[in-house]
Amino acid sequence: MKIAFLFRSAPHGTSSAREGLDALLAATAFCDEEDIGAFFIDDGVFNLLSGQQPELLLQKDFVRTFKLLDLYNIEQCFICRETLDKFGIVEDDLIVSAKKIDRTLLLAKLNQAEKLLTF
């Protein structure tokens, strides 16, 4: 994997996650999908939760755009199992299919990337 996108920030409150998603989708225009990985850990897992209502916070709903990961064939999509357990999130709560892996393996995969972008 050449580029790893690490999502650690919650979707609302800052623009970090939205900017990360924009960068990830833009990278698909220049790289093969197998060269790109998306990783979700800590508060970043909230980017993948269904049923969010950002309009109550007067925010745009960009989270639905994460569904494009499947459309763009981003197959290297990983989510931290420990984080899911910590927040009591089950797979049915997620808007995309991501491989649940333990934190140690997730960090090992991140270390293999040539470039790491954190959002």
PDB file of N, CA and C in Angstrom:
ATOM      1  N   MET A   1       0.841  -1.168   0.000  1.00  0.00           N
ATOM      2  CA  MET A   1       0.000   0.000   0.000  1.00  0.00           C
ATOM      3  C   MET A   1       0.890   1.238   0.000  1.00  0.00           C
ATOM      4  N   LYS A   2       0.525   2.174  -0.873  1.00  0.00           N
ATOM      5  CA  LYS A   2       1.324   3.389  -0.976  1.00  0.00           C
ATOM      6  C   LYS A   2       0.825   4.492  -0.052  1.00  0.00           C
ATOM      7  N   ILE A   3      -0.494   4.676   0.011  1.00  0.00           N
ATOM      8  CA  ILE A   3      -1.047   5.765   0.812  1.00  0.00           C
ATOM      9  C   ILE A   3      -2.077   5.211   1.788  1.00  0.00           C
ATOM     10  N   ALA A   4      -1.906   5.543   3.060  1.00  0.00           N
ATOM     11  CA  ALA A   4      -2.868   5.154   4.093  1.00  0.00           C
ATOM     12  C   ALA A   4      -3.544   6.414   4.627  1.00  0.00           C
ATOM     13  N   PHE A   5      -4.857   6.379   4.685  1.00  0.00           N
ATOM     14  CA  PHE A   5      -5.644   7.464   5.242  1.00  0.00           C
ATOM     15  C   PHE A   5      -6.170   6.992   6.588  1.00  0.00           C
ATOM     16  N   LEU A   6      -5.732   7.646   7.654  1.00  0.00           N
ATOM     17  CA  LEU A   6      -6.111   7.265   9.005  1.00  0.00           C
ATOM     18  C   LEU A   6      -7.111   8.275   9.550  1.00  0.00           C
ATOM     19  N   PHE A   7      -8.306   7.792   9.850  1.00  0.00           N
ATOM     20  CA  PHE A   7      -9.351   8.646  10.404  1.00  0.00           C
ATOM     21  C   PHE A   7      -9.412   8.418  11.903  1.00  0.00           C
ATOM     22  N   ARG A   8      -9.083   9.466  12.668  1.00  0.00           N
ATOM     23  CA  ARG A   8      -9.082   9.407  14.133  1.00  0.00           C
ATOM     24  C   ARG A   8     -10.047  10.411  14.735  1.00  0.00           C
ATOM     25  N   SER A   9     -10.570  11.329  13.909  1.00  0.00           N
ATOM     26  CA  SER A   9     -11.424  12.407  14.392  1.00  0.00           C
ATOM     27  C   SER A   9     -12.889  12.103  14.141  1.00  0.00           C
ATOM     28  N   ALA A  10     -13.729  12.550  15.051  1.00  0.00           N
ATOM     29  CA  ALA A  10     -15.178  12.427  14.874  1.00  0.00           C
ATOM     30  C   ALA A  10     -15.609  13.268  13.670  1.00  0.00           C
ATOM     31  N   PRO A  11     -16.739  12.936  13.070  1.00  0.00           N
ATOM     32  CA  PRO A  11     -17.133  13.609  11.838  1.00  0.00           C
ATOM     33  C   PRO A  11     -17.564  15.063  11.996  1.00  0.00           C
ATOM     34  N   HIS A  12     -18.004  15.455  13.172  1.00  0.00           N
ATOM     35  CA  HIS A  12     -18.534  16.806  13.322  1.00  0.00           C
ATOM     36  C   HIS A  12     -17.780  17.541  14.420  1.00  0.00           C
ATOM     37  N   GLY A  13     -17.740  18.839  14.293  1.00  0.00           N
ATOM     38  CA  GLY A  13     -17.010  19.660  15.257  1.00  0.00           C
ATOM     39  C   GLY A  13     -15.774  20.277  14.637  1.00  0.00           C
ATOM     40  N   THR A  14     -15.101  19.519  13.775  1.00  0.00           N
ATOM     41  CA  THR A  14     -13.972  20.055  13.006  1.00  0.00           C
ATOM     42  C   THR A  14     -14.150  19.591  11.564  1.00  0.00           C
ATOM     43  N   SER A  15     -13.367  20.142  10.676  1.00  0.00           N
ATOM     44  CA  SER A  15     -13.459  19.757   9.272  1.00  0.00           C
ATOM     45  C   SER A  15     -12.476  18.651   8.907  1.00  0.00           C
ATOM     46  N   SER A  16     -11.759  18.131   9.867  1.00  0.00           N
ATOM     47  CA  SER A  16     -10.696  17.165   9.610  1.00  0.00           C
ATOM     48  C   SER A  16     -11.185  15.924   8.859  1.00  0.00           C
ATOM     49  N   ALA A  17     -12.242  15.308   9.333  1.00  0.00           N
ATOM     50  CA  ALA A  17     -12.733  14.080   8.689  1.00  0.00           C
ATOM     51  C   ALA A  17     -13.235  14.357   7.283  1.00  0.00           C
ATOM     52  N   ARG A  18     -13.928  15.469   7.101  1.00  0.00           N
ATOM     53  CA  ARG A  18     -14.440  15.827   5.766  1.00  0.00           C
ATOM     54  C   ARG A  18     -13.277  16.059   4.808  1.00  0.00           C
ATOM     55  N   GLU A  19     -12.233  16.739   5.269  1.00  0.00           N
ATOM     56  CA  GLU A  19     -11.063  16.981   4.428  1.00  0.00           C
ATOM     57  C   GLU A  19     -10.350  15.669   4.111  1.00  0.00           C
ATOM     58  N   GLY A  20     -10.299  14.770   5.073  1.00  0.00           N
ATOM     59  CA  GLY A  20      -9.695  13.463   4.832  1.00  0.00           C
ATOM     60  C   GLY A  20     -10.446  12.666   3.791  1.00  0.00           C
ATOM     61  N   LEU A  21     -11.765  12.702   3.863  1.00  0.00           N
ATOM     62  CA  LEU A  21     -12.580  12.002   2.873  1.00  0.00           C
ATOM     63  C   LEU A  21     -12.369  12.597   1.492  1.00  0.00           C
ATOM     64  N   ASP A  22     -12.328  13.922   1.393  1.00  0.00           N
ATOM     65  CA  ASP A  22     -12.072  14.581   0.109  1.00  0.00           C
ATOM     66  C   ASP A  22     -10.716  14.162  -0.448  1.00  0.00           C
ATOM     67  N   ALA A  23      -9.701  14.128   0.401  1.00  0.00           N
ATOM     68  CA  ALA A  23      -8.361  13.732  -0.039  1.00  0.00           C
ATOM     69  C   ALA A  23      -8.338  12.272  -0.485  1.00  0.00           C
ATOM     70  N   LEU A  24      -9.022  11.417   0.245  1.00  0.00           N
ATOM     71  CA  LEU A  24      -9.078   9.999  -0.099  1.00  0.00           C
ATOM     72  C   LEU A  24      -9.722   9.800  -1.460  1.00  0.00           C
ATOM     73  N   LEU A  25     -10.857  10.443  -1.680  1.00  0.00           N
ATOM     74  CA  LEU A  25     -11.536  10.291  -2.967  1.00  0.00           C
ATOM     75  C   LEU A  25     -10.718  10.895  -4.106  1.00  0.00           C
ATOM     76  N   ALA A  26     -10.035  12.003  -3.842  1.00  0.00           N
ATOM     77  CA  ALA A  26      -9.180  12.607  -4.871  1.00  0.00           C
ATOM     78  C   ALA A  26      -8.013  11.679  -5.212  1.00  0.00           C
ATOM     79  N   ALA A  27      -7.477  11.003  -4.222  1.00  0.00           N
ATOM     80  CA  ALA A  27      -6.343  10.102  -4.458  1.00  0.00           C
ATOM     81  C   ALA A  27      -6.719   8.954  -5.379  1.00  0.00           C
ATOM     82  N   THR A  28      -7.982   8.568  -5.384  1.00  0.00           N
ATOM     83  CA  THR A  28      -8.402   7.461  -6.256  1.00  0.00           C
ATOM     84  C   THR A  28      -8.273   7.815  -7.732  1.00  0.00           C
ATOM     85  N   ALA A  29      -8.229   9.115  -8.042  1.00  0.00           N
ATOM     86  CA  ALA A  29      -8.068   9.536  -9.436  1.00  0.00           C
ATOM     87  C   ALA A  29      -6.631   9.340  -9.915  1.00  0.00           C
ATOM     88  N   PHE A  30      -5.684   9.260  -8.966  1.00  0.00           N
ATOM     89  CA  PHE A  30      -4.268   9.199  -9.326  1.00  0.00           C
ATOM     90  C   PHE A  30      -3.600   7.878  -8.982  1.00  0.00           C
ATOM     91  N   CYS A  31      -4.251   7.072  -8.170  1.00  0.00           N
ATOM     92  CA  CYS A  31      -3.649   5.817  -7.706  1.00  0.00           C
ATOM     93  C   CYS A  31      -4.587   4.647  -8.000  1.00  0.00           C
ATOM     94  N   ASP A  32      -4.013   3.478  -8.125  1.00  0.00           N
ATOM     95  CA  ASP A  32      -4.828   2.273  -8.208  1.00  0.00           C
ATOM     96  C   ASP A  32      -5.455   2.025  -6.848  1.00  0.00           C
ATOM     97  N   GLU A  33      -6.641   1.437  -6.849  1.00  0.00           N
ATOM     98  CA  GLU A  33      -7.343   1.234  -5.579  1.00  0.00           C
ATOM     99  C   GLU A  33      -6.580   0.347  -4.610  1.00  0.00           C
ATOM    100  N   GLU A  34      -5.735  -0.548  -5.113  1.00  0.00           N
ATOM    101  CA  GLU A  34      -4.964  -1.394  -4.198  1.00  0.00           C
ATOM    102  C   GLU A  34      -3.806  -0.633  -3.537  1.00  0.00           C
ATOM    103  N   ASP A  35      -3.526   0.573  -4.025  1.00  0.00           N
ATOM    104  CA  ASP A  35      -2.475   1.406  -3.437  1.00  0.00           C
ATOM    105  C   ASP A  35      -2.990   2.289  -2.305  1.00  0.00           C
ATOM    106  N   ILE A  36      -4.294   2.249  -2.053  1.00  0.00           N
ATOM    107  CA  ILE A  36      -4.920   3.135  -1.072  1.00  0.00           C
ATOM    108  C   ILE A  36      -5.571   2.311   0.029  1.00  0.00           C
ATOM    109  N   GLY A  37      -5.376   2.747   1.264  1.00  0.00           N
ATOM    110  CA  GLY A  37      -6.033   2.106   2.393  1.00  0.00           C
ATOM    111  C   GLY A  37      -6.713   3.142   3.271  1.00  0.00           C
ATOM    112  N   ALA A  38      -7.875   2.780   3.805  1.00  0.00           N
ATOM    113  CA  ALA A  38      -8.610   3.642   4.731  1.00  0.00           C
ATOM    114  C   ALA A  38      -8.677   2.929   6.075  1.00  0.00           C
ATOM    115  N   PHE A  39      -8.315   3.647   7.123  1.00  0.00           N
ATOM    116  CA  PHE A  39      -8.248   3.066   8.468  1.00  0.00           C
ATOM    117  C   PHE A  39      -9.059   3.933   9.422  1.00  0.00           C
ATOM    118  N   PHE A  40      -9.823   3.289  10.289  1.00  0.00           N
ATOM    119  CA  PHE A  40     -10.678   3.998  11.237  1.00  0.00           C
ATOM    120  C   PHE A  40     -10.388   3.494  12.641  1.00  0.00           C
ATOM    121  N   ILE A  41     -10.043   4.434  13.520  1.00  0.00           N
ATOM    122  CA  ILE A  41      -9.659   4.098  14.881  1.00  0.00           C
ATOM    123  C   ILE A  41     -10.116   5.226  15.808  1.00  0.00           C
ATOM    124  N   ASP A  42     -10.308   4.911  17.075  1.00  0.00           N
ATOM    125  CA  ASP A  42     -10.727   5.894  18.073  1.00  0.00           C
ATOM    126  C   ASP A  42     -12.005   6.605  17.596  1.00  0.00           C
ATOM    127  N   ASP A  43     -12.083   7.931  17.754  1.00  0.00           N
ATOM    128  CA  ASP A  43     -13.294   8.658  17.365  1.00  0.00           C
ATOM    129  C   ASP A  43     -13.556   8.606  15.862  1.00  0.00           C
ATOM    130  N   GLY A  44     -12.574   8.197  15.080  1.00  0.00           N
ATOM    131  CA  GLY A  44     -12.749   8.094  13.633  1.00  0.00           C
ATOM    132  C   GLY A  44     -13.805   7.082  13.214  1.00  0.00           C
ATOM    133  N   VAL A  45     -14.097   6.102  14.075  1.00  0.00           N
ATOM    134  CA  VAL A  45     -15.124   5.113  13.720  1.00  0.00           C
ATOM    135  C   VAL A  45     -16.502   5.757  13.613  1.00  0.00           C
ATOM    136  N   PHE A  46     -16.708   6.888  14.281  1.00  0.00           N
ATOM    137  CA  PHE A  46     -18.006   7.561  14.216  1.00  0.00           C
ATOM    138  C   PHE A  46     -18.316   8.080  12.814  1.00  0.00           C
ATOM    139  N   ASN A  47     -17.298   8.184  11.958  1.00  0.00           N
ATOM    140  CA  ASN A  47     -17.527   8.587  10.569  1.00  0.00           C
ATOM    141  C   ASN A  47     -18.331   7.549   9.805  1.00  0.00           C
ATOM    142  N   LEU A  48     -18.340   6.327  10.284  1.00  0.00           N
ATOM    143  CA  LEU A  48     -18.999   5.237   9.571  1.00  0.00           C
ATOM    144  C   LEU A  48     -20.346   4.846  10.162  1.00  0.00           C
ATOM    145  N   LEU A  49     -20.809   5.565  11.174  1.00  0.00           N
ATOM    146  CA  LEU A  49     -22.077   5.223  11.814  1.00  0.00           C
ATOM    147  C   LEU A  49     -23.260   5.667  10.962  1.00  0.00           C
ATOM    148  N   SER A  50     -24.242   4.802  10.841  1.00  0.00           N
ATOM    149  CA  SER A  50     -25.463   5.172  10.136  1.00  0.00           C
ATOM    150  C   SER A  50     -26.382   5.934  11.089  1.00  0.00           C
ATOM    151  N   GLY A  51     -27.371   6.592  10.532  1.00  0.00           N
ATOM    152  CA  GLY A  51     -28.380   7.267  11.332  1.00  0.00           C
ATOM    153  C   GLY A  51     -27.953   8.561  11.985  1.00  0.00           C
ATOM    154  N   GLN A  52     -26.889   9.161  11.495  1.00  0.00           N
ATOM    155  CA  GLN A  52     -26.455  10.429  12.077  1.00  0.00           C
ATOM    156  C   GLN A  52     -27.395  11.554  11.622  1.00  0.00           C
ATOM    157  N   GLN A  53     -27.515  12.578  12.440  1.00  0.00           N
ATOM    158  CA  GLN A  53     -28.363  13.724  12.127  1.00  0.00           C
ATOM    159  C   GLN A  53     -27.572  15.019  12.295  1.00  0.00           C
ATOM    160  N   PRO A  54     -26.621  15.260  11.390  1.00  0.00           N
ATOM    161  CA  PRO A  54     -25.768  16.446  11.527  1.00  0.00           C
ATOM    162  C   PRO A  54     -26.528  17.765  11.377  1.00  0.00           C
ATOM    163  N   GLU A  55     -27.681  17.719  10.745  1.00  0.00           N
ATOM    164  CA  GLU A  55     -28.452  18.946  10.586  1.00  0.00           C
ATOM    165  C   GLU A  55     -28.880  19.521  11.953  1.00  0.00           C
ATOM    166  N   LEU A  56     -28.970  18.674  12.967  1.00  0.00           N
ATOM    167  CA  LEU A  56     -29.287  19.164  14.311  1.00  0.00           C
ATOM    168  C   LEU A  56     -28.159  20.030  14.867  1.00  0.00           C
ATOM    169  N   LEU A  57     -26.951  19.830  14.334  1.00  0.00           N
ATOM    170  CA  LEU A  57     -25.787  20.640  14.718  1.00  0.00           C
ATOM    171  C   LEU A  57     -25.506  21.730  13.688  1.00  0.00           C
ATOM    172  N   LEU A  58     -26.457  21.897  12.762  1.00  0.00           N
ATOM    173  CA  LEU A  58     -26.309  22.844  11.657  1.00  0.00           C
ATOM    174  C   LEU A  58     -25.088  22.517  10.804  1.00  0.00           C
ATOM    175  N   GLN A  59     -24.864  21.224  10.570  1.00  0.00           N
ATOM    176  CA  GLN A  59     -23.748  20.738   9.764  1.00  0.00           C
ATOM    177  C   GLN A  59     -24.286  20.045   8.517  1.00  0.00           C
ATOM    178  N   LYS A  60     -23.474  20.024   7.470  1.00  0.00           N
ATOM    179  CA  LYS A  60     -23.829  19.270   6.266  1.00  0.00           C
ATOM    180  C   LYS A  60     -23.582  17.793   6.524  1.00  0.00           C
ATOM    181  N   ASP A  61     -24.383  16.957   5.892  1.00  0.00           N
ATOM    182  CA  ASP A  61     -24.238  15.512   6.052  1.00  0.00           C
ATOM    183  C   ASP A  61     -23.269  14.979   4.998  1.00  0.00           C
ATOM    184  N   PHE A  62     -21.991  15.038   5.295  1.00  0.00           N
ATOM    185  CA  PHE A  62     -20.990  14.501   4.374  1.00  0.00           C
ATOM    186  C   PHE A  62     -20.712  13.029   4.663  1.00  0.00           C
ATOM    187  N   VAL A  63     -21.157  12.524   5.819  1.00  0.00           N
ATOM    188  CA  VAL A  63     -20.838  11.161   6.241  1.00  0.00           C
ATOM    189  C   VAL A  63     -21.351  10.140   5.233  1.00  0.00           C
ATOM    190  N   ARG A  64     -22.501  10.411   4.634  1.00  0.00           N
ATOM    191  CA  ARG A  64     -23.026   9.477   3.626  1.00  0.00           C
ATOM    192  C   ARG A  64     -22.049   9.265   2.476  1.00  0.00           C
ATOM    193  N   THR A  65     -21.183  10.238   2.261  1.00  0.00           N
ATOM    194  CA  THR A  65     -20.210  10.144   1.170  1.00  0.00           C
ATOM    195  C   THR A  65     -19.219   9.009   1.407  1.00  0.00           C
ATOM    196  N   PHE A  66     -19.049   8.570   2.646  1.00  0.00           N
ATOM    197  CA  PHE A  66     -18.166   7.433   2.915  1.00  0.00           C
ATOM    198  C   PHE A  66     -18.646   6.166   2.206  1.00  0.00           C
ATOM    199  N   LYS A  67     -19.929   6.113   1.840  1.00  0.00           N
ATOM    200  CA  LYS A  67     -20.444   4.961   1.088  1.00  0.00           C
ATOM    201  C   LYS A  67     -19.739   4.827  -0.256  1.00  0.00           C
ATOM    202  N   LEU A  68     -19.143   5.918  -0.740  1.00  0.00           N
ATOM    203  CA  LEU A  68     -18.431   5.872  -2.018  1.00  0.00           C
ATOM    204  C   LEU A  68     -17.186   5.003  -1.966  1.00  0.00           C
ATOM    205  N   LEU A  69     -16.705   4.674  -0.778  1.00  0.00           N
ATOM    206  CA  LEU A  69     -15.525   3.813  -0.681  1.00  0.00           C
ATOM    207  C   LEU A  69     -15.770   2.490  -1.401  1.00  0.00           C
ATOM    208  N   ASP A  70     -16.961   1.949  -1.252  1.00  0.00           N
ATOM    209  CA  ASP A  70     -17.294   0.714  -1.964  1.00  0.00           C
ATOM    210  C   ASP A  70     -17.365   0.953  -3.470  1.00  0.00           C
ATOM    211  N   LEU A  71     -17.974   2.057  -3.873  1.00  0.00           N
ATOM    212  CA  LEU A  71     -18.108   2.385  -5.293  1.00  0.00           C
ATOM    213  C   LEU A  71     -16.738   2.591  -5.952  1.00  0.00           C
ATOM    214  N   TYR A  72     -15.806   3.182  -5.211  1.00  0.00           N
ATOM    215  CA  TYR A  72     -14.461   3.442  -5.721  1.00  0.00           C
ATOM    216  C   TYR A  72     -13.530   2.234  -5.548  1.00  0.00           C
ATOM    217  N   ASN A  73     -14.098   1.125  -5.129  1.00  0.00           N
ATOM    218  CA  ASN A  73     -13.355  -0.134  -4.960  1.00  0.00           C
ATOM    219  C   ASN A  73     -12.190  -0.021  -3.976  1.00  0.00           C
ATOM    220  N   ILE A  74     -12.368   0.744  -2.917  1.00  0.00           N
ATOM    221  CA  ILE A  74     -11.364   0.811  -1.856  1.00  0.00           C
ATOM    222  C   ILE A  74     -11.553  -0.435  -1.003  1.00  0.00           C
ATOM    223  N   GLU A  75     -10.798  -1.467  -1.318  1.00  0.00           N
ATOM    224  CA  GLU A  75     -10.959  -2.747  -0.641  1.00  0.00           C
ATOM    225  C   GLU A  75     -10.160  -2.819   0.657  1.00  0.00           C
ATOM    226  N   GLN A  76      -9.152  -2.003   0.774  1.00  0.00           N
ATOM    227  CA  GLN A  76      -8.350  -1.984   1.993  1.00  0.00           C
ATOM    228  C   GLN A  76      -8.954  -0.963   2.952  1.00  0.00           C
ATOM    229  N   CYS A  77     -10.041  -1.358   3.561  1.00  0.00           N
ATOM    230  CA  CYS A  77     -10.768  -0.514   4.499  1.00  0.00           C
ATOM    231  C   CYS A  77     -10.832  -1.271   5.823  1.00  0.00           C
ATOM    232  N   PHE A  78     -10.191  -0.718   6.850  1.00  0.00           N
ATOM    233  CA  PHE A  78     -10.044  -1.418   8.125  1.00  0.00           C
ATOM    234  C   PHE A  78     -10.590  -0.574   9.266  1.00  0.00           C
ATOM    235  N   ILE A  79     -11.183  -1.255  10.232  1.00  0.00           N
ATOM    236  CA  ILE A  79     -11.713  -0.583  11.407  1.00  0.00           C
ATOM    237  C   ILE A  79     -11.227  -1.322  12.649  1.00  0.00           C
ATOM    238  N   CYS A  80     -10.890  -0.568  13.667  1.00  0.00           N
ATOM    239  CA  CYS A  80     -10.311  -1.134  14.882  1.00  0.00           C
ATOM    240  C   CYS A  80     -11.371  -1.871  15.707  1.00  0.00           C
ATOM    241  N   ARG A  81     -11.147  -3.143  15.909  1.00  0.00           N
ATOM    242  CA  ARG A  81     -12.085  -3.982  16.673  1.00  0.00           C
ATOM    243  C   ARG A  81     -12.226  -3.487  18.113  1.00  0.00           C
ATOM    244  N   GLU A  82     -11.116  -3.127  18.737  1.00  0.00           N
ATOM    245  CA  GLU A  82     -11.163  -2.663  20.123  1.00  0.00           C
ATOM    246  C   GLU A  82     -11.986  -1.380  20.256  1.00  0.00           C
ATOM    247  N   THR A  83     -11.873  -0.493  19.287  1.00  0.00           N
ATOM    248  CA  THR A  83     -12.649   0.745  19.326  1.00  0.00           C
ATOM    249  C   THR A  83     -14.142   0.443  19.203  1.00  0.00           C
ATOM    250  N   LEU A  84     -14.492  -0.460  18.302  1.00  0.00           N
ATOM    251  CA  LEU A  84     -15.901  -0.837  18.163  1.00  0.00           C
ATOM    252  C   LEU A  84     -16.441  -1.384  19.475  1.00  0.00           C
ATOM    253  N   ASP A  85     -15.666  -2.266  20.104  1.00  0.00           N
ATOM    254  CA  ASP A  85     -16.087  -2.851  21.375  1.00  0.00           C
ATOM    255  C   ASP A  85     -16.214  -1.775  22.455  1.00  0.00           C
ATOM    256  N   LYS A  86     -15.263  -0.856  22.496  1.00  0.00           N
ATOM    257  CA  LYS A  86     -15.260   0.210  23.499  1.00  0.00           C
ATOM    258  C   LYS A  86     -16.533   1.050  23.420  1.00  0.00           C
ATOM    259  N   PHE A  87     -16.971   1.359  22.193  1.00  0.00           N
ATOM    260  CA  PHE A  87     -18.146   2.204  22.007  1.00  0.00           C
ATOM    261  C   PHE A  87     -19.437   1.395  21.846  1.00  0.00           C
ATOM    262  N   GLY A  88     -19.338   0.072  21.868  1.00  0.00           N
ATOM    263  CA  GLY A  88     -20.521  -0.769  21.730  1.00  0.00           C
ATOM    264  C   GLY A  88     -21.145  -0.706  20.346  1.00  0.00           C
ATOM    265  N   ILE A  89     -20.304  -0.536  19.337  1.00  0.00           N
ATOM    266  CA  ILE A  89     -20.776  -0.445  17.957  1.00  0.00           C
ATOM    267  C   ILE A  89     -20.718  -1.829  17.325  1.00  0.00           C
ATOM    268  N   VAL A  90     -21.807  -2.223  16.669  1.00  0.00           N
ATOM    269  CA  VAL A  90     -21.841  -3.507  15.968  1.00  0.00           C
ATOM    270  C   VAL A  90     -21.806  -3.254  14.465  1.00  0.00           C
ATOM    271  N   GLU A  91     -21.486  -4.280  13.720  1.00  0.00           N
ATOM    272  CA  GLU A  91     -21.297  -4.152  12.276  1.00  0.00           C
ATOM    273  C   GLU A  91     -22.532  -3.592  11.568  1.00  0.00           C
ATOM    274  N   ASP A  92     -23.722  -3.924  12.050  1.00  0.00           N
ATOM    275  CA  ASP A  92     -24.956  -3.424  11.430  1.00  0.00           C
ATOM    276  C   ASP A  92     -25.105  -1.914  11.570  1.00  0.00           C
ATOM    277  N   ASP A  93     -24.354  -1.289  12.481  1.00  0.00           N
ATOM    278  CA  ASP A  93     -24.412   0.159  12.688  1.00  0.00           C
ATOM    279  C   ASP A  93     -23.593   0.929  11.654  1.00  0.00           C
ATOM    280  N   LEU A  94     -22.781   0.226  10.867  1.00  0.00           N
ATOM    281  CA  LEU A  94     -21.843   0.875   9.948  1.00  0.00           C
ATOM    282  C   LEU A  94     -22.429   1.038   8.554  1.00  0.00           C
ATOM    283  N   ILE A  95     -22.060   2.120   7.869  1.00  0.00           N
ATOM    284  CA  ILE A  95     -22.578   2.386   6.525  1.00  0.00           C
ATOM    285  C   ILE A  95     -21.715   1.778   5.428  1.00  0.00           C
ATOM    286  N   VAL A  96     -20.527   1.299   5.768  1.00  0.00           N
ATOM    287  CA  VAL A  96     -19.654   0.638   4.784  1.00  0.00           C
ATOM    288  C   VAL A  96     -19.166  -0.680   5.368  1.00  0.00           C
ATOM    289  N   SER A  97     -18.721  -1.529   4.483  1.00  0.00           N
ATOM    290  CA  SER A  97     -18.126  -2.777   4.954  1.00  0.00           C
ATOM    291  C   SER A  97     -16.635  -2.553   5.141  1.00  0.00           C
ATOM    292  N   ALA A  98     -16.193  -2.717   6.360  1.00  0.00           N
ATOM    293  CA  ALA A  98     -14.782  -2.562   6.691  1.00  0.00           C
ATOM    294  C   ALA A  98     -14.339  -3.817   7.430  1.00  0.00           C
ATOM    295  N   LYS A  99     -13.103  -4.201   7.209  1.00  0.00           N
ATOM    296  CA  LYS A  99     -12.574  -5.373   7.901  1.00  0.00           C
ATOM    297  C   LYS A  99     -12.229  -4.993   9.336  1.00  0.00           C
ATOM    298  N   LYS A 100     -12.816  -5.713  10.274  1.00  0.00           N
ATOM    299  CA  LYS A 100     -12.515  -5.475  11.687  1.00  0.00           C
ATOM    300  C   LYS A 100     -11.212  -6.195  12.020  1.00  0.00           C
ATOM    301  N   ILE A 101     -10.230  -5.431  12.478  1.00  0.00           N
ATOM    302  CA  ILE A 101      -8.949  -6.020  12.862  1.00  0.00           C
ATOM    303  C   ILE A 101      -8.524  -5.435  14.200  1.00  0.00           C
ATOM    304  N   ASP A 102      -7.666  -6.175  14.898  1.00  0.00           N
ATOM    305  CA  ASP A 102      -7.229  -5.661  16.196  1.00  0.00           C
ATOM    306  C   ASP A 102      -6.252  -4.511  15.999  1.00  0.00           C
ATOM    307  N   ARG A 103      -6.110  -3.733  17.039  1.00  0.00           N
ATOM    308  CA  ARG A 103      -5.311  -2.497  16.997  1.00  0.00           C
ATOM    309  C   ARG A 103      -3.865  -2.756  16.592  1.00  0.00           C
ATOM    310  N   THR A 104      -3.280  -3.832  17.079  1.00  0.00           N
ATOM    311  CA  THR A 104      -1.888  -4.147  16.770  1.00  0.00           C
ATOM    312  C   THR A 104      -1.702  -4.391  15.273  1.00  0.00           C
ATOM    313  N   LEU A 105      -2.606  -5.155  14.672  1.00  0.00           N
ATOM    314  CA  LEU A 105      -2.528  -5.419  13.236  1.00  0.00           C
ATOM    315  C   LEU A 105      -2.788  -4.147  12.438  1.00  0.00           C
ATOM    316  N   LEU A 106      -3.725  -3.328  12.892  1.00  0.00           N
ATOM    317  CA  LEU A 106      -4.024  -2.082  12.210  1.00  0.00           C
ATOM    318  C   LEU A 106      -2.782  -1.188  12.179  1.00  0.00           C
ATOM    319  N   LEU A 107      -2.115  -1.061  13.309  1.00  0.00           N
ATOM    320  CA  LEU A 107      -0.901  -0.240  13.375  1.00  0.00           C
ATOM    321  C   LEU A 107       0.221  -0.836  12.524  1.00  0.00           C
ATOM    322  N   ALA A 108       0.311  -2.156  12.475  1.00  0.00           N
ATOM    323  CA  ALA A 108       1.324  -2.802  11.636  1.00  0.00           C
ATOM    324  C   ALA A 108       1.073  -2.501  10.161  1.00  0.00           C
ATOM    325  N   LYS A 109      -0.187  -2.530   9.741  1.00  0.00           N
ATOM    326  CA  LYS A 109      -0.522  -2.209   8.354  1.00  0.00           C
ATOM    327  C   LYS A 109      -0.204  -0.747   8.037  1.00  0.00           C
ATOM    328  N   LEU A 110      -0.467   0.137   8.988  1.00  0.00           N
ATOM    329  CA  LEU A 110      -0.149   1.548   8.786  1.00  0.00           C
ATOM    330  C   LEU A 110       1.347   1.752   8.601  1.00  0.00           C
ATOM    331  N   ASN A 111       2.155   0.992   9.337  1.00  0.00           N
ATOM    332  CA  ASN A 111       3.603   1.106   9.226  1.00  0.00           C
ATOM    333  C   ASN A 111       4.135   0.645   7.882  1.00  0.00           C
ATOM    334  N   GLN A 112       3.370  -0.149   7.156  1.00  0.00           N
ATOM    335  CA  GLN A 112       3.783  -0.645   5.840  1.00  0.00           C
ATOM    336  C   GLN A 112       3.533   0.366   4.729  1.00  0.00           C
ATOM    337  N   ALA A 113       2.715   1.365   5.005  1.00  0.00           N
ATOM    338  CA  ALA A 113       2.380   2.357   3.980  1.00  0.00           C
ATOM    339  C   ALA A 113       3.558   3.283   3.713  1.00  0.00           C
ATOM    340  N   GLU A 114       3.696   3.695   2.456  1.00  0.00           N
ATOM    341  CA  GLU A 114       4.737   4.644   2.106  1.00  0.00           C
ATOM    342  C   GLU A 114       4.432   6.033   2.646  1.00  0.00           C
ATOM    343  N   LYS A 115       3.161   6.422   2.605  1.00  0.00           N
ATOM    344  CA  LYS A 115       2.722   7.724   3.115  1.00  0.00           C
ATOM    345  C   LYS A 115       1.517   7.512   4.019  1.00  0.00           C
ATOM    346  N   LEU A 116       1.487   8.234   5.121  1.00  0.00           N
ATOM    347  CA  LEU A 116       0.384   8.160   6.075  1.00  0.00           C
ATOM    348  C   LEU A 116      -0.194   9.553   6.269  1.00  0.00           C
ATOM    349  N   LEU A 117      -1.483   9.676   5.978  1.00  0.00           N
ATOM    350  CA  LEU A 117      -2.187  10.941   6.173  1.00  0.00           C
ATOM    351  C   LEU A 117      -3.214  10.727   7.274  1.00  0.00           C
ATOM    352  N   THR A 118      -3.157  11.558   8.306  1.00  0.00           N
ATOM    353  CA  THR A 118      -4.025  11.394   9.466  1.00  0.00           C
ATOM    354  C   THR A 118      -5.035  12.533   9.525  1.00  0.00           C
ATOM    355  N   PHE A 119      -6.285  12.140   9.738  1.00  0.00           N
ATOM    356  CA  PHE A 119      -7.377  13.128   9.809  1.00  0.00           C
ATOM    357  C   PHE A 119      -8.220  12.877  11.040  1.00  0.00           C
TER     358      PHE A 119
END
